[in-house]
Amino acid sequence: MGGNLKLFVYGTLMSGFDNQFALQLHKTVVNIKKAWITGELFVVTDWHFPYPVAAYQPEGTTKIFGELLEIDKAKGEILEMIDRYEGIDHKQPTLGEYIRQNILINTHNGEEYGWAYINNRSLIELRKITSGNFRMYLKNIK
């Protein structure tokens, strides 16, 4: 018997966002911790709303800030819905905008493994969020 599922979120799926996917996801969450991964954060602005893209760099020195969600394992099918929201193509993984990867996530209590949606496309055209913090970025553009 494994424990609950863990998912690192750093954008529109974090607590406080009111899109239907975030709301559905948070109904399954039993615990939230502030967390970060190493890498660089970029923003897509030519969509209906801005959203971030994480370039995970396991050996990186810059941080991407977000939340580590602990999801009730009995409600693990929520990941399938979130995969669709994130454009994951399980039949042809290289075609999706993101891949869902099990990576090392840092919390104030130490490191633990969990799922995260990581960039799977070229970032050349995208603007970097130098703070690594999507919430801060949104506050600064208003």
N, C-alpha and C. Protein backbone atom coordinates (compact mmCIF):
# COMPACT_ATOMS: atom_id res chain seq x y z
N MET A 1 0.84 -1.19 0.00
CA MET A 1 0.00 0.00 0.00
C MET A 1 0.87 1.24 0.00
N GLY A 2 0.77 2.03 -1.05
CA GLY A 2 1.52 3.27 -1.10
C GLY A 2 0.77 4.38 -0.39
N GLY A 3 1.45 5.50 -0.20
CA GLY A 3 0.83 6.65 0.44
C GLY A 3 0.05 7.47 -0.57
N ASN A 4 -0.30 8.65 -0.15
CA ASN A 4 -1.03 9.55 -1.03
C ASN A 4 -0.14 10.01 -2.18
N LEU A 5 -0.75 10.51 -3.24
CA LEU A 5 -0.03 11.05 -4.39
C LEU A 5 0.47 12.45 -4.05
N LYS A 6 1.60 12.81 -4.62
CA LYS A 6 2.14 14.16 -4.42
C LYS A 6 2.31 14.82 -5.78
N LEU A 7 1.88 16.08 -5.86
CA LEU A 7 1.94 16.83 -7.10
C LEU A 7 2.44 18.24 -6.80
N PHE A 8 3.53 18.62 -7.46
CA PHE A 8 4.05 19.98 -7.35
C PHE A 8 3.37 20.84 -8.40
N VAL A 9 2.76 21.95 -7.95
CA VAL A 9 2.12 22.89 -8.87
C VAL A 9 2.73 24.27 -8.67
N TYR A 10 2.86 25.01 -9.76
CA TYR A 10 3.56 26.30 -9.71
C TYR A 10 2.84 27.38 -10.51
N GLY A 11 1.64 27.08 -10.96
CA GLY A 11 0.91 28.03 -11.80
C GLY A 11 -0.56 28.04 -11.49
N THR A 12 -1.37 27.86 -12.52
CA THR A 12 -2.82 28.03 -12.42
C THR A 12 -3.51 26.90 -11.64
N LEU A 13 -2.75 25.91 -11.17
CA LEU A 13 -3.33 24.85 -10.35
C LEU A 13 -3.06 25.07 -8.85
N MET A 14 -2.38 26.15 -8.51
CA MET A 14 -2.11 26.42 -7.09
C MET A 14 -3.39 26.83 -6.37
N SER A 15 -3.37 26.74 -5.05
CA SER A 15 -4.51 27.17 -4.25
C SER A 15 -4.78 28.64 -4.52
N GLY A 16 -6.06 29.00 -4.52
CA GLY A 16 -6.44 30.39 -4.76
C GLY A 16 -6.80 30.68 -6.20
N PHE A 17 -6.44 29.80 -7.13
CA PHE A 17 -6.84 29.99 -8.52
C PHE A 17 -8.23 29.38 -8.68
N ASP A 18 -9.08 30.03 -9.48
CA ASP A 18 -10.48 29.61 -9.51
C ASP A 18 -10.91 28.99 -10.83
N ASN A 19 -9.96 28.49 -11.62
CA ASN A 19 -10.38 27.78 -12.83
C ASN A 19 -10.95 26.43 -12.41
N GLN A 20 -11.77 25.85 -13.28
CA GLN A 20 -12.47 24.61 -12.91
C GLN A 20 -11.52 23.47 -12.56
N PHE A 21 -10.36 23.42 -13.19
CA PHE A 21 -9.42 22.32 -12.94
C PHE A 21 -8.76 22.46 -11.57
N ALA A 22 -8.37 23.67 -11.22
CA ALA A 22 -7.79 23.92 -9.89
C ALA A 22 -8.83 23.60 -8.81
N LEU A 23 -10.06 24.02 -9.03
CA LEU A 23 -11.11 23.78 -8.04
C LEU A 23 -11.36 22.28 -7.86
N GLN A 24 -11.42 21.53 -8.96
CA GLN A 24 -11.61 20.08 -8.88
C GLN A 24 -10.42 19.42 -8.18
N LEU A 25 -9.21 19.82 -8.56
CA LEU A 25 -8.01 19.25 -7.97
C LEU A 25 -7.99 19.47 -6.46
N HIS A 26 -8.28 20.68 -6.03
CA HIS A 26 -8.16 20.99 -4.60
C HIS A 26 -9.22 20.29 -3.76
N LYS A 27 -10.27 19.76 -4.37
CA LYS A 27 -11.24 18.94 -3.62
C LYS A 27 -10.62 17.61 -3.19
N THR A 28 -9.53 17.20 -3.85
CA THR A 28 -8.88 15.91 -3.55
C THR A 28 -7.66 16.07 -2.65
N VAL A 29 -7.30 17.31 -2.33
CA VAL A 29 -6.05 17.60 -1.61
C VAL A 29 -6.27 17.46 -0.10
N VAL A 30 -5.35 16.74 0.55
CA VAL A 30 -5.42 16.57 2.00
C VAL A 30 -4.36 17.40 2.73
N ASN A 31 -3.36 17.90 2.00
CA ASN A 31 -2.31 18.72 2.62
C ASN A 31 -1.60 19.54 1.55
N ILE A 32 -1.19 20.75 1.90
CA ILE A 32 -0.44 21.62 1.00
C ILE A 32 0.79 22.13 1.74
N LYS A 33 1.95 22.04 1.07
CA LYS A 33 3.19 22.59 1.63
C LYS A 33 3.78 23.56 0.63
N LYS A 34 4.36 24.65 1.11
CA LYS A 34 5.14 25.51 0.23
C LYS A 34 6.34 24.69 -0.23
N ALA A 35 6.69 24.84 -1.51
CA ALA A 35 7.75 24.00 -2.07
C ALA A 35 8.43 24.71 -3.22
N TRP A 36 9.55 24.13 -3.67
CA TRP A 36 10.23 24.66 -4.84
C TRP A 36 11.01 23.54 -5.52
N ILE A 37 11.26 23.74 -6.80
CA ILE A 37 12.13 22.87 -7.57
C ILE A 37 13.22 23.75 -8.18
N THR A 38 14.26 23.14 -8.68
CA THR A 38 15.31 23.92 -9.32
C THR A 38 15.05 23.99 -10.82
N GLY A 39 15.29 25.16 -11.37
CA GLY A 39 15.08 25.36 -12.80
C GLY A 39 14.74 26.80 -13.09
N GLU A 40 14.18 27.01 -14.27
CA GLU A 40 13.81 28.35 -14.69
C GLU A 40 12.34 28.36 -15.08
N LEU A 41 11.67 29.47 -14.77
CA LEU A 41 10.26 29.60 -15.04
C LEU A 41 10.05 30.61 -16.17
N PHE A 42 9.19 30.24 -17.11
CA PHE A 42 8.87 31.08 -18.26
C PHE A 42 7.36 31.30 -18.27
N VAL A 43 6.91 32.29 -19.04
CA VAL A 43 5.48 32.57 -19.09
C VAL A 43 5.00 32.62 -20.54
N VAL A 44 3.85 31.98 -20.76
CA VAL A 44 3.16 32.04 -22.05
C VAL A 44 2.12 33.16 -21.92
N THR A 45 2.19 34.13 -22.82
CA THR A 45 1.28 35.28 -22.73
C THR A 45 0.33 35.38 -23.92
N ASP A 46 0.49 34.52 -24.92
CA ASP A 46 -0.37 34.62 -26.11
C ASP A 46 -1.52 33.60 -26.05
N TRP A 47 -2.06 33.36 -24.88
CA TRP A 47 -3.16 32.45 -24.66
C TRP A 47 -4.29 33.26 -24.04
N HIS A 48 -5.40 32.63 -23.69
CA HIS A 48 -6.54 33.34 -23.09
C HIS A 48 -6.16 33.97 -21.75
N PHE A 49 -5.16 33.42 -21.11
CA PHE A 49 -4.66 33.91 -19.83
C PHE A 49 -3.17 33.53 -19.76
N PRO A 50 -2.36 34.28 -19.01
CA PRO A 50 -0.95 33.91 -18.89
C PRO A 50 -0.81 32.64 -18.04
N TYR A 51 0.14 31.80 -18.43
CA TYR A 51 0.42 30.62 -17.61
C TYR A 51 1.91 30.31 -17.68
N PRO A 52 2.44 29.70 -16.61
CA PRO A 52 3.87 29.45 -16.55
C PRO A 52 4.27 28.09 -17.11
N VAL A 53 5.52 28.00 -17.49
CA VAL A 53 6.13 26.77 -17.99
C VAL A 53 7.44 26.58 -17.24
N ALA A 54 7.62 25.41 -16.65
CA ALA A 54 8.83 25.13 -15.87
C ALA A 54 9.85 24.39 -16.71
N ALA A 55 11.07 24.91 -16.74
CA ALA A 55 12.20 24.20 -17.32
C ALA A 55 12.98 23.62 -16.14
N TYR A 56 12.66 22.39 -15.79
CA TYR A 56 13.27 21.73 -14.64
C TYR A 56 14.75 21.46 -14.92
N GLN A 57 15.59 21.84 -13.96
CA GLN A 57 17.04 21.63 -14.06
C GLN A 57 17.50 21.01 -12.75
N PRO A 58 17.62 19.67 -12.70
CA PRO A 58 17.96 19.00 -11.45
C PRO A 58 19.23 19.56 -10.79
N GLU A 59 20.19 19.99 -11.59
CA GLU A 59 21.44 20.52 -11.05
C GLU A 59 21.44 22.04 -11.01
N GLY A 60 20.29 22.65 -11.26
CA GLY A 60 20.20 24.11 -11.33
C GLY A 60 20.36 24.78 -9.98
N THR A 61 20.56 26.09 -10.02
CA THR A 61 20.71 26.86 -8.79
C THR A 61 19.55 27.84 -8.58
N THR A 62 18.75 28.10 -9.62
CA THR A 62 17.61 28.99 -9.45
C THR A 62 16.38 28.16 -9.10
N LYS A 63 15.42 28.82 -8.44
CA LYS A 63 14.26 28.10 -7.91
C LYS A 63 12.98 28.50 -8.62
N ILE A 64 12.08 27.52 -8.70
CA ILE A 64 10.71 27.73 -9.16
C ILE A 64 9.84 27.44 -7.94
N PHE A 65 9.08 28.45 -7.51
CA PHE A 65 8.29 28.32 -6.29
C PHE A 65 6.87 27.89 -6.58
N GLY A 66 6.33 27.07 -5.69
CA GLY A 66 4.96 26.60 -5.84
C GLY A 66 4.48 25.90 -4.59
N GLU A 67 3.64 24.90 -4.80
CA GLU A 67 3.05 24.14 -3.70
C GLU A 67 3.17 22.65 -3.98
N LEU A 68 3.42 21.90 -2.93
CA LEU A 68 3.39 20.45 -3.02
C LEU A 68 2.04 20.00 -2.46
N LEU A 69 1.20 19.48 -3.35
CA LEU A 69 -0.13 19.03 -2.97
C LEU A 69 -0.08 17.54 -2.65
N GLU A 70 -0.66 17.17 -1.54
CA GLU A 70 -0.82 15.75 -1.22
C GLU A 70 -2.27 15.41 -1.54
N ILE A 71 -2.42 14.48 -2.49
CA ILE A 71 -3.75 14.12 -3.01
C ILE A 71 -4.16 12.77 -2.41
N ASP A 72 -5.38 12.70 -1.95
CA ASP A 72 -5.93 11.46 -1.42
C ASP A 72 -5.76 10.36 -2.48
N LYS A 73 -5.04 9.30 -2.12
CA LYS A 73 -4.74 8.26 -3.12
C LYS A 73 -6.00 7.61 -3.69
N ALA A 74 -7.09 7.64 -2.94
CA ALA A 74 -8.35 7.08 -3.43
C ALA A 74 -8.94 7.94 -4.56
N LYS A 75 -8.42 9.16 -4.69
CA LYS A 75 -8.91 10.07 -5.73
C LYS A 75 -7.84 10.32 -6.79
N GLY A 76 -6.95 9.37 -6.96
CA GLY A 76 -5.82 9.50 -7.87
C GLY A 76 -6.19 9.69 -9.32
N GLU A 77 -7.44 9.34 -9.70
CA GLU A 77 -7.85 9.54 -11.09
C GLU A 77 -7.89 11.02 -11.45
N ILE A 78 -7.82 11.90 -10.47
CA ILE A 78 -7.78 13.34 -10.75
C ILE A 78 -6.59 13.67 -11.64
N LEU A 79 -5.50 12.91 -11.53
CA LEU A 79 -4.32 13.19 -12.36
C LEU A 79 -4.63 13.02 -13.84
N GLU A 80 -5.53 12.10 -14.19
CA GLU A 80 -5.90 11.93 -15.59
C GLU A 80 -6.58 13.19 -16.12
N MET A 81 -7.45 13.79 -15.31
CA MET A 81 -8.12 15.02 -15.71
C MET A 81 -7.10 16.16 -15.83
N ILE A 82 -6.18 16.25 -14.89
CA ILE A 82 -5.16 17.31 -14.92
C ILE A 82 -4.22 17.08 -16.10
N ASP A 83 -3.91 15.83 -16.41
CA ASP A 83 -3.09 15.55 -17.60
C ASP A 83 -3.74 16.14 -18.85
N ARG A 84 -5.05 15.98 -18.97
CA ARG A 84 -5.75 16.54 -20.14
C ARG A 84 -5.65 18.06 -20.14
N TYR A 85 -5.85 18.67 -18.98
CA TYR A 85 -5.75 20.13 -18.86
C TYR A 85 -4.36 20.61 -19.28
N GLU A 86 -3.34 19.86 -18.92
CA GLU A 86 -1.95 20.24 -19.22
C GLU A 86 -1.51 19.79 -20.62
N GLY A 87 -2.39 19.13 -21.37
CA GLY A 87 -2.06 18.73 -22.73
C GLY A 87 -1.11 17.55 -22.83
N ILE A 88 -1.16 16.67 -21.85
CA ILE A 88 -0.31 15.48 -21.88
C ILE A 88 -0.85 14.51 -22.92
N ASP A 89 0.02 14.01 -23.77
CA ASP A 89 -0.34 13.02 -24.78
C ASP A 89 0.35 11.71 -24.39
N HIS A 90 -0.39 10.80 -23.73
CA HIS A 90 0.22 9.57 -23.25
C HIS A 90 0.63 8.63 -24.40
N LYS A 91 -0.07 8.72 -25.53
CA LYS A 91 0.27 7.85 -26.67
C LYS A 91 1.54 8.35 -27.37
N GLN A 92 1.70 9.67 -27.44
CA GLN A 92 2.89 10.27 -28.06
C GLN A 92 3.42 11.36 -27.15
N PRO A 93 4.11 10.98 -26.06
CA PRO A 93 4.53 11.93 -25.02
C PRO A 93 5.37 13.09 -25.53
N THR A 94 6.11 12.90 -26.61
CA THR A 94 6.97 13.98 -27.08
C THR A 94 6.18 15.11 -27.76
N LEU A 95 4.88 14.88 -28.03
CA LEU A 95 4.08 15.89 -28.71
C LEU A 95 3.42 16.89 -27.78
N GLY A 96 3.25 16.55 -26.51
CA GLY A 96 2.55 17.43 -25.58
C GLY A 96 3.39 18.63 -25.17
N GLU A 97 2.70 19.66 -24.68
CA GLU A 97 3.40 20.85 -24.20
C GLU A 97 4.19 20.54 -22.93
N TYR A 98 3.65 19.62 -22.13
CA TYR A 98 4.30 19.23 -20.89
C TYR A 98 4.46 17.71 -20.86
N ILE A 99 5.34 17.27 -19.99
CA ILE A 99 5.37 15.87 -19.58
C ILE A 99 5.19 15.86 -18.07
N ARG A 100 4.53 14.82 -17.56
CA ARG A 100 4.40 14.69 -16.10
C ARG A 100 5.53 13.79 -15.65
N GLN A 101 6.38 14.34 -14.81
CA GLN A 101 7.60 13.66 -14.40
C GLN A 101 7.66 13.55 -12.88
N ASN A 102 8.19 12.44 -12.39
CA ASN A 102 8.40 12.26 -10.95
C ASN A 102 9.78 12.82 -10.63
N ILE A 103 9.82 13.92 -9.86
CA ILE A 103 11.07 14.62 -9.62
C ILE A 103 11.25 14.91 -8.13
N LEU A 104 12.44 15.37 -7.78
CA LEU A 104 12.75 15.75 -6.42
C LEU A 104 12.23 17.16 -6.15
N ILE A 105 11.42 17.28 -5.11
CA ILE A 105 10.80 18.55 -4.74
C ILE A 105 11.29 18.94 -3.35
N ASN A 106 11.62 20.21 -3.19
CA ASN A 106 12.12 20.71 -1.92
C ASN A 106 11.01 21.37 -1.12
N THR A 107 10.95 21.04 0.18
CA THR A 107 10.04 21.72 1.10
C THR A 107 10.87 22.15 2.30
N HIS A 108 10.26 22.91 3.18
CA HIS A 108 10.98 23.33 4.39
C HIS A 108 11.27 22.16 5.31
N ASN A 109 10.61 21.02 5.05
CA ASN A 109 10.84 19.81 5.85
C ASN A 109 11.83 18.86 5.19
N GLY A 110 12.43 19.26 4.07
CA GLY A 110 13.37 18.40 3.37
C GLY A 110 12.93 18.14 1.94
N GLU A 111 13.48 17.08 1.36
CA GLU A 111 13.19 16.74 -0.03
C GLU A 111 12.26 15.54 -0.10
N GLU A 112 11.41 15.53 -1.09
CA GLU A 112 10.57 14.37 -1.35
C GLU A 112 10.25 14.30 -2.84
N TYR A 113 9.90 13.12 -3.29
CA TYR A 113 9.57 12.96 -4.70
C TYR A 113 8.08 13.18 -4.92
N GLY A 114 7.77 13.74 -6.08
CA GLY A 114 6.38 13.94 -6.45
C GLY A 114 6.29 14.24 -7.94
N TRP A 115 5.08 14.29 -8.43
CA TRP A 115 4.85 14.59 -9.84
C TRP A 115 4.93 16.09 -10.08
N ALA A 116 5.35 16.47 -11.27
CA ALA A 116 5.35 17.87 -11.70
C ALA A 116 5.18 17.90 -13.21
N TYR A 117 4.55 18.97 -13.69
CA TYR A 117 4.39 19.16 -15.13
C TYR A 117 5.55 20.02 -15.61
N ILE A 118 6.39 19.42 -16.46
CA ILE A 118 7.65 20.00 -16.90
C ILE A 118 7.57 20.31 -18.39
N ASN A 119 8.19 21.40 -18.78
CA ASN A 119 8.18 21.82 -20.18
C ASN A 119 8.68 20.73 -21.12
N ASN A 120 8.04 20.67 -22.28
CA ASN A 120 8.39 19.68 -23.29
C ASN A 120 8.53 20.34 -24.67
N ARG A 121 8.66 21.66 -24.70
CA ARG A 121 8.76 22.40 -25.97
C ARG A 121 9.87 23.43 -25.91
N SER A 122 10.14 24.06 -27.04
CA SER A 122 11.15 25.12 -27.10
C SER A 122 10.68 26.33 -26.31
N LEU A 123 11.60 26.95 -25.58
CA LEU A 123 11.28 28.11 -24.76
C LEU A 123 11.82 29.41 -25.36
N ILE A 124 12.35 29.33 -26.57
CA ILE A 124 13.04 30.46 -27.19
C ILE A 124 12.20 31.73 -27.21
N GLU A 125 10.91 31.61 -27.52
CA GLU A 125 10.04 32.78 -27.68
C GLU A 125 9.47 33.29 -26.36
N LEU A 126 9.68 32.58 -25.28
CA LEU A 126 9.00 32.91 -24.03
C LEU A 126 9.84 33.82 -23.12
N ARG A 127 9.13 34.63 -22.34
CA ARG A 127 9.78 35.53 -21.39
C ARG A 127 10.03 34.79 -20.08
N LYS A 128 11.19 35.01 -19.49
CA LYS A 128 11.54 34.35 -18.23
C LYS A 128 10.92 35.13 -17.07
N ILE A 129 10.42 34.38 -16.09
CA ILE A 129 9.98 34.97 -14.82
C ILE A 129 11.16 34.83 -13.88
N THR A 130 11.93 35.89 -13.74
CA THR A 130 13.21 35.78 -13.01
C THR A 130 13.02 35.48 -11.53
N SER A 131 11.88 35.86 -10.95
CA SER A 131 11.63 35.57 -9.54
C SER A 131 11.34 34.09 -9.30
N GLY A 132 10.98 33.36 -10.38
CA GLY A 132 10.59 31.96 -10.23
C GLY A 132 9.24 31.80 -9.55
N ASN A 133 8.48 32.90 -9.44
CA ASN A 133 7.24 32.89 -8.66
C ASN A 133 6.10 33.44 -9.53
N PHE A 134 5.20 32.56 -9.95
CA PHE A 134 4.10 32.95 -10.84
C PHE A 134 3.12 33.91 -10.16
N ARG A 135 2.82 33.70 -8.88
CA ARG A 135 1.92 34.60 -8.16
C ARG A 135 2.48 36.03 -8.16
N MET A 136 3.78 36.15 -7.88
CA MET A 136 4.42 37.46 -7.84
C MET A 136 4.37 38.10 -9.23
N TYR A 137 4.60 37.30 -10.25
CA TYR A 137 4.52 37.80 -11.63
C TYR A 137 3.14 38.38 -11.91
N LEU A 138 2.08 37.66 -11.54
CA LEU A 138 0.72 38.13 -11.79
C LEU A 138 0.43 39.43 -11.06
N LYS A 139 0.89 39.56 -9.83
CA LYS A 139 0.67 40.80 -9.06
C LYS A 139 1.36 41.97 -9.73
N ASN A 140 2.53 41.72 -10.32
CA ASN A 140 3.32 42.80 -10.92
C ASN A 140 2.82 43.23 -12.28
N ILE A 141 2.00 42.41 -12.97
CA ILE A 141 1.52 42.82 -14.30
C ILE A 141 0.19 43.55 -14.23
N LYS A 142 -0.42 43.59 -13.05
CA LYS A 142 -1.75 44.23 -12.93
C LYS A 142 -1.60 45.70 -12.66
